[in-house]
PDB file of N, CA and C in Angstrom:
ATOM      1  N   MET A   1     -30.006   0.528   3.912  1.00  0.00           N
ATOM      2  CA  MET A   1     -29.555   0.899   2.576  1.00  0.00           C
ATOM      3  C   MET A   1     -28.211   0.240   2.317  1.00  0.00           C
ATOM      4  N   GLY A   2     -28.005  -0.318   1.116  1.00  0.00           N
ATOM      5  CA  GLY A   2     -26.775  -1.022   0.776  1.00  0.00           C
ATOM      6  C   GLY A   2     -25.646  -0.073   0.427  1.00  0.00           C
ATOM      7  N   ALA A   3     -24.493  -0.665   0.161  1.00  0.00           N
ATOM      8  CA  ALA A   3     -23.313   0.110  -0.231  1.00  0.00           C
ATOM      9  C   ALA A   3     -23.545   0.722  -1.612  1.00  0.00           C
ATOM     10  N   PRO A   4     -22.932   1.882  -1.889  1.00  0.00           N
ATOM     11  CA  PRO A   4     -23.116   2.493  -3.209  1.00  0.00           C
ATOM     12  C   PRO A   4     -22.540   1.604  -4.305  1.00  0.00           C
ATOM     13  N   GLN A   5     -23.216   1.597  -5.438  1.00  0.00           N
ATOM     14  CA  GLN A   5     -22.747   0.846  -6.596  1.00  0.00           C
ATOM     15  C   GLN A   5     -21.517   1.545  -7.164  1.00  0.00           C
ATOM     16  N   ARG A   6     -20.453   0.803  -7.408  1.00  0.00           N
ATOM     17  CA  ARG A   6     -19.232   1.405  -7.934  1.00  0.00           C
ATOM     18  C   ARG A   6     -18.984   0.928  -9.346  1.00  0.00           C
ATOM     19  N   ASN A   7     -18.727   1.865 -10.214  1.00  0.00           N
ATOM     20  CA  ASN A   7     -18.423   1.570 -11.600  1.00  0.00           C
ATOM     21  C   ASN A   7     -16.929   1.845 -11.809  1.00  0.00           C
ATOM     22  N   VAL A   8     -16.111   0.807 -11.642  1.00  0.00           N
ATOM     23  CA  VAL A   8     -14.666   0.939 -11.771  1.00  0.00           C
ATOM     24  C   VAL A   8     -14.213   0.168 -13.008  1.00  0.00           C
ATOM     25  N   ARG A   9     -13.529   0.869 -13.890  1.00  0.00           N
ATOM     26  CA  ARG A   9     -12.993   0.272 -15.117  1.00  0.00           C
ATOM     27  C   ARG A   9     -11.477   0.318 -15.074  1.00  0.00           C
ATOM     28  N   ILE A  10     -10.865  -0.533 -15.881  1.00  0.00           N
ATOM     29  CA  ILE A  10      -9.410  -0.524 -16.054  1.00  0.00           C
ATOM     30  C   ILE A  10      -9.137  -0.365 -17.545  1.00  0.00           C
ATOM     31  N   ARG A  11      -8.238   0.541 -17.856  1.00  0.00           N
ATOM     32  CA  ARG A  11      -7.840   0.723 -19.258  1.00  0.00           C
ATOM     33  C   ARG A  11      -6.356   1.045 -19.293  1.00  0.00           C
ATOM     34  N   ARG A  12      -5.783   0.835 -20.450  1.00  0.00           N
ATOM     35  CA  ARG A  12      -4.395   1.244 -20.634  1.00  0.00           C
ATOM     36  C   ARG A  12      -4.369   2.742 -20.924  1.00  0.00           C
ATOM     37  N   ILE A  13      -3.368   3.404 -20.410  1.00  0.00           N
ATOM     38  CA  ILE A  13      -3.224   4.849 -20.599  1.00  0.00           C
ATOM     39  C   ILE A  13      -3.105   5.197 -22.083  1.00  0.00           C
ATOM     40  N   TYR A  14      -2.633   4.252 -22.879  1.00  0.00           N
ATOM     41  CA  TYR A  14      -2.431   4.490 -24.314  1.00  0.00           C
ATOM     42  C   TYR A  14      -3.719   4.384 -25.123  1.00  0.00           C
ATOM     43  N   ASP A  15      -4.810   3.869 -24.510  1.00  0.00           N
ATOM     44  CA  ASP A  15      -6.098   3.799 -25.196  1.00  0.00           C
ATOM     45  C   ASP A  15      -6.697   5.201 -25.276  1.00  0.00           C
ATOM     46  N   GLU A  16      -7.418   5.462 -26.340  1.00  0.00           N
ATOM     47  CA  GLU A  16      -8.080   6.756 -26.498  1.00  0.00           C
ATOM     48  C   GLU A  16      -9.107   6.957 -25.391  1.00  0.00           C
ATOM     49  N   PRO A  17      -9.162   8.144 -24.795  1.00  0.00           N
ATOM     50  CA  PRO A  17     -10.187   8.419 -23.778  1.00  0.00           C
ATOM     51  C   PRO A  17     -11.589   8.254 -24.359  1.00  0.00           C
ATOM     52  N   GLU A  18     -12.511   7.811 -23.496  1.00  0.00           N
ATOM     53  CA  GLU A  18     -13.910   7.633 -23.886  1.00  0.00           C
ATOM     54  C   GLU A  18     -14.790   8.407 -22.915  1.00  0.00           C
ATOM     55  N   GLU A  19     -15.938   8.796 -23.382  1.00  0.00           N
ATOM     56  CA  GLU A  19     -16.891   9.518 -22.543  1.00  0.00           C
ATOM     57  C   GLU A  19     -17.257   8.706 -21.303  1.00  0.00           C
ATOM     58  N   ALA A  20     -17.384   7.382 -21.453  1.00  0.00           N
ATOM     59  CA  ALA A  20     -17.785   6.507 -20.342  1.00  0.00           C
ATOM     60  C   ALA A  20     -16.705   6.353 -19.271  1.00  0.00           C
ATOM     61  N   ASP A  21     -15.513   6.879 -19.517  1.00  0.00           N
ATOM     62  CA  ASP A  21     -14.418   6.738 -18.548  1.00  0.00           C
ATOM     63  C   ASP A  21     -14.726   7.407 -17.218  1.00  0.00           C
ATOM     64  N   GLY A  22     -15.488   8.461 -17.223  1.00  0.00           N
ATOM     65  CA  GLY A  22     -15.697   9.211 -15.986  1.00  0.00           C
ATOM     66  C   GLY A  22     -14.368   9.810 -15.547  1.00  0.00           C
ATOM     67  N   ALA A  23     -14.059   9.692 -14.263  1.00  0.00           N
ATOM     68  CA  ALA A  23     -12.779  10.198 -13.748  1.00  0.00           C
ATOM     69  C   ALA A  23     -11.656   9.272 -14.205  1.00  0.00           C
ATOM     70  N   ARG A  24     -10.648   9.871 -14.814  1.00  0.00           N
ATOM     71  CA  ARG A  24      -9.500   9.103 -15.327  1.00  0.00           C
ATOM     72  C   ARG A  24      -8.316   9.304 -14.377  1.00  0.00           C
ATOM     73  N   VAL A  25      -7.865   8.186 -13.755  1.00  0.00           N
ATOM     74  CA  VAL A  25      -6.827   8.272 -12.740  1.00  0.00           C
ATOM     75  C   VAL A  25      -5.682   7.313 -13.084  1.00  0.00           C
ATOM     76  N   LEU A  26      -4.494   7.872 -13.238  1.00  0.00           N
ATOM     77  CA  LEU A  26      -3.287   7.068 -13.455  1.00  0.00           C
ATOM     78  C   LEU A  26      -2.868   6.491 -12.111  1.00  0.00           C
ATOM     79  N   ILE A  27      -2.601   5.166 -12.077  1.00  0.00           N
ATOM     80  CA  ILE A  27      -2.258   4.498 -10.818  1.00  0.00           C
ATOM     81  C   ILE A  27      -0.850   3.910 -10.839  1.00  0.00           C
ATOM     82  N   ASP A  28      -0.040   4.297 -11.803  1.00  0.00           N
ATOM     83  CA  ASP A  28       1.354   3.847 -11.880  1.00  0.00           C
ATOM     84  C   ASP A  28       2.242   4.834 -11.139  1.00  0.00           C
ATOM     85  N   ARG A  29       3.352   4.343 -10.614  1.00  0.00           N
ATOM     86  CA  ARG A  29       4.286   5.214  -9.907  1.00  0.00           C
ATOM     87  C   ARG A  29       5.057   6.098 -10.892  1.00  0.00           C
ATOM     88  N   LEU A  30       5.388   5.553 -12.055  1.00  0.00           N
ATOM     89  CA  LEU A  30       6.167   6.296 -13.052  1.00  0.00           C
ATOM     90  C   LEU A  30       5.275   6.765 -14.192  1.00  0.00           C
ATOM     91  N   TRP A  31       5.619   7.921 -14.752  1.00  0.00           N
ATOM     92  CA  TRP A  31       4.865   8.436 -15.898  1.00  0.00           C
ATOM     93  C   TRP A  31       5.098   7.510 -17.094  1.00  0.00           C
ATOM     94  N   PRO A  32       4.061   7.178 -17.859  1.00  0.00           N
ATOM     95  CA  PRO A  32       4.178   6.253 -18.997  1.00  0.00           C
ATOM     96  C   PRO A  32       5.015   6.830 -20.142  1.00  0.00           C
ATOM     97  N   ARG A  33       5.865   6.006 -20.693  1.00  0.00           N
ATOM     98  CA  ARG A  33       6.723   6.422 -21.803  1.00  0.00           C
ATOM     99  C   ARG A  33       5.900   6.854 -23.003  1.00  0.00           C
ATOM    100  N   GLY A  34       6.319   7.932 -23.610  1.00  0.00           N
ATOM    101  CA  GLY A  34       5.714   8.383 -24.853  1.00  0.00           C
ATOM    102  C   GLY A  34       4.339   9.013 -24.709  1.00  0.00           C
ATOM    103  N   MET A  35       3.859   9.207 -23.509  1.00  0.00           N
ATOM    104  CA  MET A  35       2.523   9.768 -23.297  1.00  0.00           C
ATOM    105  C   MET A  35       2.651  11.211 -22.834  1.00  0.00           C
ATOM    106  N   SER A  36       1.997  12.112 -23.560  1.00  0.00           N
ATOM    107  CA  SER A  36       1.994  13.519 -23.133  1.00  0.00           C
ATOM    108  C   SER A  36       0.888  13.722 -22.110  1.00  0.00           C
ATOM    109  N   ARG A  37       1.041  14.711 -21.284  1.00  0.00           N
ATOM    110  CA  ARG A  37       0.016  14.996 -20.271  1.00  0.00           C
ATOM    111  C   ARG A  37      -1.299  15.427 -20.926  1.00  0.00           C
ATOM    112  N   ASP A  38      -1.204  16.151 -22.030  1.00  0.00           N
ATOM    113  CA  ASP A  38      -2.424  16.575 -22.726  1.00  0.00           C
ATOM    114  C   ASP A  38      -3.183  15.373 -23.267  1.00  0.00           C
ATOM    115  N   LYS A  39      -2.473  14.448 -23.903  1.00  0.00           N
ATOM    116  CA  LYS A  39      -3.123  13.290 -24.509  1.00  0.00           C
ATOM    117  C   LYS A  39      -3.708  12.350 -23.453  1.00  0.00           C
ATOM    118  N   ALA A  40      -3.087  12.297 -22.275  1.00  0.00           N
ATOM    119  CA  ALA A  40      -3.552  11.402 -21.209  1.00  0.00           C
ATOM    120  C   ALA A  40      -4.918  11.812 -20.665  1.00  0.00           C
ATOM    121  N   ARG A  41      -5.205  13.112 -20.676  1.00  0.00           N
ATOM    122  CA  ARG A  41      -6.463  13.641 -20.157  1.00  0.00           C
ATOM    123  C   ARG A  41      -6.812  13.055 -18.785  1.00  0.00           C
ATOM    124  N   LEU A  42      -5.912  13.254 -17.840  1.00  0.00           N
ATOM    125  CA  LEU A  42      -6.089  12.724 -16.493  1.00  0.00           C
ATOM    126  C   LEU A  42      -6.869  13.678 -15.598  1.00  0.00           C
ATOM    127  N   ASP A  43      -7.599  13.087 -14.678  1.00  0.00           N
ATOM    128  CA  ASP A  43      -8.209  13.852 -13.599  1.00  0.00           C
ATOM    129  C   ASP A  43      -7.323  13.810 -12.365  1.00  0.00           C
ATOM    130  N   ASP A  44      -6.494  12.766 -12.270  1.00  0.00           N
ATOM    131  CA  ASP A  44      -5.612  12.628 -11.116  1.00  0.00           C
ATOM    132  C   ASP A  44      -4.526  11.609 -11.430  1.00  0.00           C
ATOM    133  N   TRP A  45      -3.442  11.697 -10.666  1.00  0.00           N
ATOM    134  CA  TRP A  45      -2.357  10.718 -10.734  1.00  0.00           C
ATOM    135  C   TRP A  45      -2.078  10.325  -9.297  1.00  0.00           C
ATOM    136  N   VAL A  46      -2.452   9.101  -8.938  1.00  0.00           N
ATOM    137  CA  VAL A  46      -2.339   8.641  -7.560  1.00  0.00           C
ATOM    138  C   VAL A  46      -1.207   7.618  -7.473  1.00  0.00           C
ATOM    139  N   LYS A  47      -0.002   8.117  -7.319  1.00  0.00           N
ATOM    140  CA  LYS A  47       1.186   7.261  -7.263  1.00  0.00           C
ATOM    141  C   LYS A  47       1.197   6.372  -6.032  1.00  0.00           C
ATOM    142  N   ASP A  48       0.571   6.864  -4.948  1.00  0.00           N
ATOM    143  CA  ASP A  48       0.660   6.167  -3.667  1.00  0.00           C
ATOM    144  C   ASP A  48      -0.055   4.818  -3.638  1.00  0.00           C
ATOM    145  N   VAL A  49      -0.875   4.498  -4.635  1.00  0.00           N
ATOM    146  CA  VAL A  49      -1.504   3.174  -4.659  1.00  0.00           C
ATOM    147  C   VAL A  49      -0.720   2.173  -5.502  1.00  0.00           C
ATOM    148  N   ALA A  50       0.352   2.610  -6.114  1.00  0.00           N
ATOM    149  CA  ALA A  50       1.178   1.703  -6.916  1.00  0.00           C
ATOM    150  C   ALA A  50       1.939   0.749  -5.995  1.00  0.00           C
ATOM    151  N   PRO A  51       2.237  -0.455  -6.472  1.00  0.00           N
ATOM    152  CA  PRO A  51       3.027  -1.390  -5.657  1.00  0.00           C
ATOM    153  C   PRO A  51       4.425  -0.832  -5.395  1.00  0.00           C
ATOM    154  N   SER A  52       5.024  -1.267  -4.311  1.00  0.00           N
ATOM    155  CA  SER A  52       6.391  -0.853  -3.999  1.00  0.00           C
ATOM    156  C   SER A  52       7.356  -1.343  -5.081  1.00  0.00           C
ATOM    157  N   ASP A  53       8.468  -0.659  -5.201  1.00  0.00           N
ATOM    158  CA  ASP A  53       9.489  -1.093  -6.157  1.00  0.00           C
ATOM    159  C   ASP A  53       9.944  -2.512  -5.845  1.00  0.00           C
ATOM    160  N   GLU A  54      10.074  -2.824  -4.555  1.00  0.00           N
ATOM    161  CA  GLU A  54      10.506  -4.167  -4.147  1.00  0.00           C
ATOM    162  C   GLU A  54       9.524  -5.227  -4.642  1.00  0.00           C
ATOM    163  N   LEU A  55       8.227  -4.990  -4.438  1.00  0.00           N
ATOM    164  CA  LEU A  55       7.216  -5.948  -4.872  1.00  0.00           C
ATOM    165  C   LEU A  55       7.181  -6.038  -6.392  1.00  0.00           C
ATOM    166  N   ARG A  56       7.267  -4.914  -7.052  1.00  0.00           N
ATOM    167  CA  ARG A  56       7.249  -4.908  -8.522  1.00  0.00           C
ATOM    168  C   ARG A  56       8.422  -5.706  -9.094  1.00  0.00           C
ATOM    169  N   ARG A  57       9.608  -5.522  -8.506  1.00  0.00           N
ATOM    170  CA  ARG A  57      10.796  -6.265  -8.980  1.00  0.00           C
ATOM    171  C   ARG A  57      10.643  -7.760  -8.705  1.00  0.00           C
ATOM    172  N   TRP A  58      10.084  -8.113  -7.541  1.00  0.00           N
ATOM    173  CA  TRP A  58       9.872  -9.530  -7.225  1.00  0.00           C
ATOM    174  C   TRP A  58       8.906 -10.161  -8.229  1.00  0.00           C
ATOM    175  N   TYR A  59       7.843  -9.470  -8.539  1.00  0.00           N
ATOM    176  CA  TYR A  59       6.780  -9.998  -9.400  1.00  0.00           C
ATOM    177  C   TYR A  59       7.233 -10.144 -10.857  1.00  0.00           C
ATOM    178  N   ARG A  60       7.863  -9.130 -11.399  1.00  0.00           N
ATOM    179  CA  ARG A  60       8.336  -9.126 -12.800  1.00  0.00           C
ATOM    180  C   ARG A  60       7.225  -9.484 -13.798  1.00  0.00           C
ATOM    181  N   HIS A  61       5.989  -9.209 -13.447  1.00  0.00           N
ATOM    182  CA  HIS A  61       4.826  -9.497 -14.316  1.00  0.00           C
ATOM    183  C   HIS A  61       4.790 -10.949 -14.778  1.00  0.00           C
ATOM    184  N   ASP A  62       5.182 -11.838 -13.887  1.00  0.00           N
ATOM    185  CA  ASP A  62       5.149 -13.279 -14.147  1.00  0.00           C
ATOM    186  C   ASP A  62       3.781 -13.801 -13.711  1.00  0.00           C
ATOM    187  N   PRO A  63       2.934 -14.208 -14.665  1.00  0.00           N
ATOM    188  CA  PRO A  63       1.582 -14.650 -14.312  1.00  0.00           C
ATOM    189  C   PRO A  63       1.565 -15.762 -13.266  1.00  0.00           C
ATOM    190  N   GLU A  64       2.602 -16.586 -13.221  1.00  0.00           N
ATOM    191  CA  GLU A  64       2.642 -17.660 -12.222  1.00  0.00           C
ATOM    192  C   GLU A  64       2.790 -17.113 -10.804  1.00  0.00           C
ATOM    193  N   ARG A  65       3.270 -15.888 -10.658  1.00  0.00           N
ATOM    194  CA  ARG A  65       3.429 -15.265  -9.351  1.00  0.00           C
ATOM    195  C   ARG A  65       2.262 -14.337  -9.003  1.00  0.00           C
ATOM    196  N   TYR A  66       1.256 -14.281  -9.857  1.00  0.00           N
ATOM    197  CA  TYR A  66       0.189 -13.300  -9.666  1.00  0.00           C
ATOM    198  C   TYR A  66      -0.534 -13.453  -8.329  1.00  0.00           C
ATOM    199  N   ALA A  67      -0.872 -14.671  -7.933  1.00  0.00           N
ATOM    200  CA  ALA A  67      -1.601 -14.865  -6.666  1.00  0.00           C
ATOM    201  C   ALA A  67      -0.778 -14.318  -5.495  1.00  0.00           C
ATOM    202  N   GLY A  68       0.511 -14.618  -5.472  1.00  0.00           N
ATOM    203  CA  GLY A  68       1.380 -14.098  -4.418  1.00  0.00           C
ATOM    204  C   GLY A  68       1.518 -12.590  -4.494  1.00  0.00           C
ATOM    205  N   PHE A  69       1.615 -12.091  -5.713  1.00  0.00           N
ATOM    206  CA  PHE A  69       1.693 -10.642  -5.908  1.00  0.00           C
ATOM    207  C   PHE A  69       0.439  -9.966  -5.370  1.00  0.00           C
ATOM    208  N   ALA A  70      -0.730 -10.500  -5.732  1.00  0.00           N
ATOM    209  CA  ALA A  70      -2.000  -9.897  -5.309  1.00  0.00           C
ATOM    210  C   ALA A  70      -2.102  -9.885  -3.785  1.00  0.00           C
ATOM    211  N   ARG A  71      -1.720 -10.983  -3.134  1.00  0.00           N
ATOM    212  CA  ARG A  71      -1.773 -11.058  -1.674  1.00  0.00           C
ATOM    213  C   ARG A  71      -0.851 -10.019  -1.048  1.00  0.00           C
ATOM    214  N   ARG A  72       0.377  -9.930  -1.546  1.00  0.00           N
ATOM    215  CA  ARG A  72       1.348  -8.983  -0.995  1.00  0.00           C
ATOM    216  C   ARG A  72       0.939  -7.536  -1.285  1.00  0.00           C
ATOM    217  N   TYR A  73       0.383  -7.306  -2.476  1.00  0.00           N
ATOM    218  CA  TYR A  73      -0.054  -5.952  -2.835  1.00  0.00           C
ATOM    219  C   TYR A  73      -1.216  -5.502  -1.940  1.00  0.00           C
ATOM    220  N   ARG A  74      -2.159  -6.409  -1.672  1.00  0.00           N
ATOM    221  CA  ARG A  74      -3.263  -6.064  -0.766  1.00  0.00           C
ATOM    222  C   ARG A  74      -2.733  -5.687   0.617  1.00  0.00           C
ATOM    223  N   ALA A  75      -1.698  -6.390   1.067  1.00  0.00           N
ATOM    224  CA  ALA A  75      -1.085  -6.045   2.357  1.00  0.00           C
ATOM    225  C   ALA A  75      -0.460  -4.649   2.286  1.00  0.00           C
ATOM    226  N   GLU A  76       0.182  -4.326   1.170  1.00  0.00           N
ATOM    227  CA  GLU A  76       0.754  -2.982   1.006  1.00  0.00           C
ATOM    228  C   GLU A  76      -0.334  -1.908   1.016  1.00  0.00           C
ATOM    229  N   LEU A  77      -1.482  -2.217   0.416  1.00  0.00           N
ATOM    230  CA  LEU A  77      -2.573  -1.237   0.364  1.00  0.00           C
ATOM    231  C   LEU A  77      -3.129  -0.905   1.747  1.00  0.00           C
ATOM    232  N   ALA A  78      -2.832  -1.739   2.738  1.00  0.00           N
ATOM    233  CA  ALA A  78      -3.277  -1.473   4.105  1.00  0.00           C
ATOM    234  C   ALA A  78      -2.325  -0.532   4.851  1.00  0.00           C
ATOM    235  N   GLU A  79      -1.149  -0.269   4.280  1.00  0.00           N
ATOM    236  CA  GLU A  79      -0.184   0.637   4.911  1.00  0.00           C
ATOM    237  C   GLU A  79      -0.754   2.055   4.908  1.00  0.00           C
ATOM    238  N   PRO A  80      -0.415   2.869   5.940  1.00  0.00           N
ATOM    239  CA  PRO A  80      -1.064   4.183   6.112  1.00  0.00           C
ATOM    240  C   PRO A  80      -1.133   5.080   4.867  1.00  0.00           C
ATOM    241  N   GLY A  81      -0.042   5.376   4.211  1.00  0.00           N
ATOM    242  CA  GLY A  81      -0.087   6.270   3.053  1.00  0.00           C
ATOM    243  C   GLY A  81      -0.902   5.698   1.907  1.00  0.00           C
ATOM    244  N   ARG A  82      -0.730   4.414   1.658  1.00  0.00           N
ATOM    245  CA  ARG A  82      -1.484   3.770   0.574  1.00  0.00           C
ATOM    246  C   ARG A  82      -2.964   3.650   0.941  1.00  0.00           C
ATOM    247  N   ALA A  83      -3.246   3.360   2.197  1.00  0.00           N
ATOM    248  CA  ALA A  83      -4.649   3.231   2.629  1.00  0.00           C
ATOM    249  C   ALA A  83      -5.395   4.557   2.446  1.00  0.00           C
ATOM    250  N   GLU A  84      -4.741   5.675   2.735  1.00  0.00           N
ATOM    251  CA  GLU A  84      -5.368   6.984   2.531  1.00  0.00           C
ATOM    252  C   GLU A  84      -5.661   7.218   1.058  1.00  0.00           C
ATOM    253  N   ALA A  85      -4.701   6.893   0.204  1.00  0.00           N
ATOM    254  CA  ALA A  85      -4.894   7.059  -1.246  1.00  0.00           C
ATOM    255  C   ALA A  85      -6.014   6.148  -1.743  1.00  0.00           C
ATOM    256  N   LEU A  86      -6.069   4.931  -1.222  1.00  0.00           N
ATOM    257  CA  LEU A  86      -7.130   3.990  -1.592  1.00  0.00           C
ATOM    258  C   LEU A  86      -8.493   4.524  -1.164  1.00  0.00           C
ATOM    259  N   ASP A  87      -8.568   5.094   0.016  1.00  0.00           N
ATOM    260  CA  ASP A  87      -9.834   5.679   0.486  1.00  0.00           C
ATOM    261  C   ASP A  87     -10.281   6.836  -0.416  1.00  0.00           C
ATOM    262  N   ARG A  88      -9.335   7.667  -0.862  1.00  0.00           N
ATOM    263  CA  ARG A  88      -9.689   8.762  -1.782  1.00  0.00           C
ATOM    264  C   ARG A  88     -10.247   8.206  -3.086  1.00  0.00           C
ATOM    265  N   LEU A  89      -9.666   7.111  -3.581  1.00  0.00           N
ATOM    266  CA  LEU A  89     -10.190   6.487  -4.801  1.00  0.00           C
ATOM    267  C   LEU A  89     -11.578   5.885  -4.555  1.00  0.00           C
ATOM    268  N   ARG A  90     -11.780   5.312  -3.383  1.00  0.00           N
ATOM    269  CA  ARG A  90     -13.110   4.769  -3.041  1.00  0.00           C
ATOM    270  C   ARG A  90     -14.157   5.877  -3.067  1.00  0.00           C
ATOM    271  N   GLU A  91     -13.803   7.025  -2.485  1.00  0.00           N
ATOM    272  CA  GLU A  91     -14.734   8.160  -2.470  1.00  0.00           C
ATOM    273  C   GLU A  91     -15.054   8.606  -3.892  1.00  0.00           C
ATOM    274  N   ARG A  92     -14.042   8.659  -4.724  1.00  0.00           N
ATOM    275  CA  ARG A  92     -14.247   9.072  -6.115  1.00  0.00           C
ATOM    276  C   ARG A  92     -15.117   8.054  -6.845  1.00  0.00           C
ATOM    277  N   ALA A  93     -14.884   6.770  -6.608  1.00  0.00           N
ATOM    278  CA  ALA A  93     -15.670   5.720  -7.267  1.00  0.00           C
ATOM    279  C   ALA A  93     -17.126   5.751  -6.813  1.00  0.00           C
ATOM    280  N   ALA A  94     -17.375   6.202  -5.604  1.00  0.00           N
ATOM    281  CA  ALA A  94     -18.742   6.254  -5.084  1.00  0.00           C
ATOM    282  C   ALA A  94     -19.553   7.386  -5.708  1.00  0.00           C
ATOM    283  N   THR A  95     -18.876   8.357  -6.333  1.00  0.00           N
ATOM    284  CA  THR A  95     -19.586   9.505  -6.898  1.00  0.00           C
ATOM    285  C   THR A  95     -19.822   9.395  -8.394  1.00  0.00           C
ATOM    286  N   GLY A  96     -19.276   8.366  -9.042  1.00  0.00           N
ATOM    287  CA  GLY A  96     -19.480   8.212 -10.473  1.00  0.00           C
ATOM    288  C   GLY A  96     -18.454   7.271 -11.072  1.00  0.00           C
ATOM    289  N   PRO A  97     -18.499   7.089 -12.384  1.00  0.00           N
ATOM    290  CA  PRO A  97     -17.565   6.174 -13.030  1.00  0.00           C
ATOM    291  C   PRO A  97     -16.108   6.566 -12.754  1.00  0.00           C
ATOM    292  N   LEU A  98     -15.279   5.550 -12.555  1.00  0.00           N
ATOM    293  CA  LEU A  98     -13.853   5.735 -12.311  1.00  0.00           C
ATOM    294  C   LEU A  98     -13.091   4.792 -13.217  1.00  0.00           C
ATOM    295  N   THR A  99     -12.128   5.324 -13.957  1.00  0.00           N
ATOM    296  CA  THR A  99     -11.278   4.500 -14.799  1.00  0.00           C
ATOM    297  C   THR A  99      -9.859   4.563 -14.277  1.00  0.00           C
ATOM    298  N   LEU A 100      -9.341   3.384 -13.912  1.00  0.00           N
ATOM    299  CA  LEU A 100      -7.963   3.245 -13.462  1.00  0.00           C
ATOM    300  C   LEU A 100      -7.096   3.050 -14.698  1.00  0.00           C
ATOM    301  N   LEU A 101      -6.076   3.871 -14.825  1.00  0.00           N
ATOM    302  CA  LEU A 101      -5.218   3.831 -16.003  1.00  0.00           C
ATOM    303  C   LEU A 101      -3.828   3.331 -15.637  1.00  0.00           C
ATOM    304  N   THR A 102      -3.291   2.473 -16.490  1.00  0.00           N
ATOM    305  CA  THR A 102      -1.962   1.914 -16.288  1.00  0.00           C
ATOM    306  C   THR A 102      -1.280   1.731 -17.631  1.00  0.00           C
ATOM    307  N   ALA A 103       0.042   1.734 -17.611  1.00  0.00           N
ATOM    308  CA  ALA A 103       0.812   1.469 -18.824  1.00  0.00           C
ATOM    309  C   ALA A 103       1.078  -0.024 -18.987  1.00  0.00           C
ATOM    310  N   THR A 104       0.741  -0.814 -17.988  1.00  0.00           N
ATOM    311  CA  THR A 104       0.990  -2.251 -17.995  1.00  0.00           C
ATOM    312  C   THR A 104       0.340  -2.912 -19.203  1.00  0.00           C
ATOM    313  N   ARG A 105       1.073  -3.802 -19.848  1.00  0.00           N
ATOM    314  CA  ARG A 105       0.527  -4.500 -21.026  1.00  0.00           C
ATOM    315  C   ARG A 105      -0.496  -5.562 -20.632  1.00  0.00           C
ATOM    316  N   ASP A 106      -0.177  -6.380 -19.631  1.00  0.00           N
ATOM    317  CA  ASP A 106      -1.051  -7.465 -19.196  1.00  0.00           C
ATOM    318  C   ASP A 106      -1.906  -6.960 -18.031  1.00  0.00           C
ATOM    319  N   VAL A 107      -2.941  -6.244 -18.370  1.00  0.00           N
ATOM    320  CA  VAL A 107      -3.787  -5.613 -17.352  1.00  0.00           C
ATOM    321  C   VAL A 107      -4.421  -6.650 -16.430  1.00  0.00           C
ATOM    322  N   GLY A 108      -4.767  -7.813 -16.951  1.00  0.00           N
ATOM    323  CA  GLY A 108      -5.409  -8.852 -16.157  1.00  0.00           C
ATOM    324  C   GLY A 108      -4.549  -9.415 -15.045  1.00  0.00           C
ATOM    325  N   HIS A 109      -3.245  -9.284 -15.176  1.00  0.00           N
ATOM    326  CA  HIS A 109      -2.308  -9.754 -14.144  1.00  0.00           C
ATOM    327  C   HIS A 109      -1.534  -8.574 -13.572  1.00  0.00           C
ATOM    328  N   SER A 110      -2.230  -7.495 -13.287  1.00  0.00           N
ATOM    329  CA  SER A 110      -1.552  -6.278 -12.844  1.00  0.00           C
ATOM    330  C   SER A 110      -2.139  -5.753 -11.540  1.00  0.00           C
ATOM    331  N   HIS A 111      -1.460  -4.764 -11.010  1.00  0.00           N
ATOM    332  CA  HIS A 111      -1.960  -4.101  -9.805  1.00  0.00           C
ATOM    333  C   HIS A 111      -3.299  -3.428 -10.071  1.00  0.00           C
ATOM    334  N   ALA A 112      -3.558  -3.040 -11.309  1.00  0.00           N
ATOM    335  CA  ALA A 112      -4.829  -2.391 -11.642  1.00  0.00           C
ATOM    336  C   ALA A 112      -6.007  -3.320 -11.370  1.00  0.00           C
ATOM    337  N   THR A 113      -5.860  -4.594 -11.687  1.00  0.00           N
ATOM    338  CA  THR A 113      -6.933  -5.558 -11.451  1.00  0.00           C
ATOM    339  C   THR A 113      -7.180  -5.735  -9.959  1.00  0.00           C
ATOM    340  N   VAL A 114      -6.114  -5.859  -9.177  1.00  0.00           N
ATOM    341  CA  VAL A 114      -6.256  -5.994  -7.723  1.00  0.00           C
ATOM    342  C   VAL A 114      -6.916  -4.747  -7.153  1.00  0.00           C
ATOM    343  N   LEU A 115      -6.466  -3.597  -7.610  1.00  0.00           N
ATOM    344  CA  LEU A 115      -7.008  -2.325  -7.119  1.00  0.00           C
ATOM    345  C   LEU A 115      -8.487  -2.189  -7.464  1.00  0.00           C
ATOM    346  N   ALA A 116      -8.866  -2.533  -8.691  1.00  0.00           N
ATOM    347  CA  ALA A 116     -10.279  -2.479  -9.087  1.00  0.00           C
ATOM    348  C   ALA A 116     -11.122  -3.396  -8.228  1.00  0.00           C
ATOM    349  N   GLU A 117     -10.619  -4.590  -7.900  1.00  0.00           N
ATOM    350  CA  GLU A 117     -11.344  -5.510  -7.033  1.00  0.00           C
ATOM    351  C   GLU A 117     -11.532  -4.902  -5.652  1.00  0.00           C
ATOM    352  N   GLU A 118     -10.492  -4.290  -5.137  1.00  0.00           N
ATOM    353  CA  GLU A 118     -10.575  -3.656  -3.812  1.00  0.00           C
ATOM    354  C   GLU A 118     -11.585  -2.516  -3.819  1.00  0.00           C
ATOM    355  N   LEU A 119     -11.596  -1.730  -4.872  1.00  0.00           N
ATOM    356  CA  LEU A 119     -12.496  -0.572  -4.956  1.00  0.00           C
ATOM    357  C   LEU A 119     -13.946  -1.007  -5.159  1.00  0.00           C
ATOM    358  N   SER A 120     -14.156  -2.148  -5.794  1.00  0.00           N
ATOM    359  CA  SER A 120     -15.510  -2.621  -6.076  1.00  0.00           C
ATOM    360  C   SER A 120     -16.100  -3.438  -4.941  1.00  0.00           C
ATOM    361  N   ALA A 121     -15.256  -3.908  -4.039  1.00  0.00           N
ATOM    362  CA  ALA A 121     -15.734  -4.735  -2.935  1.00  0.00           C
ATOM    363  C   ALA A 121     -16.510  -3.905  -1.919  1.00  0.00           C
ATOM    364  N   PRO A 122     -17.592  -4.478  -1.375  1.00  0.00           N
ATOM    365  CA  PRO A 122     -18.320  -3.753  -0.322  1.00  0.00           C
ATOM    366  C   PRO A 122     -17.442  -3.619   0.921  1.00  0.00           C
ATOM    367  N   ARG A 123     -17.630  -2.535   1.631  1.00  0.00           N
ATOM    368  CA  ARG A 123     -16.835  -2.313   2.855  1.00  0.00           C
ATOM    369  C   ARG A 123     -17.643  -2.586   4.078  1.00  0.00           C
TER     370      ARG A 123
END
């Protein structure tokens, strides 16, 4: 039997919730500006999968640094606390749709994209 099919989506926290979102999980370390907890409609907030402050400052959301950022972020995800949080997200993704939420404007060059790839990859 193959690995379970994972339905992992990425959306901005500021987008209106949708029925297809399934479990809505914020993956940023800091709470998003201007967003109330009621409006966010979160199922969880997993700060431990966010990139370190050091990595975030180095990256500065510069698309030219994205490949290096992704490599370094994947290495961070292997660290004990982050690896446990990643495993919890994997378990959640295996049971139904999972939407990773971030305040990042450029979602395609963000930790959310790397995280979604990690969660969707077979183990």
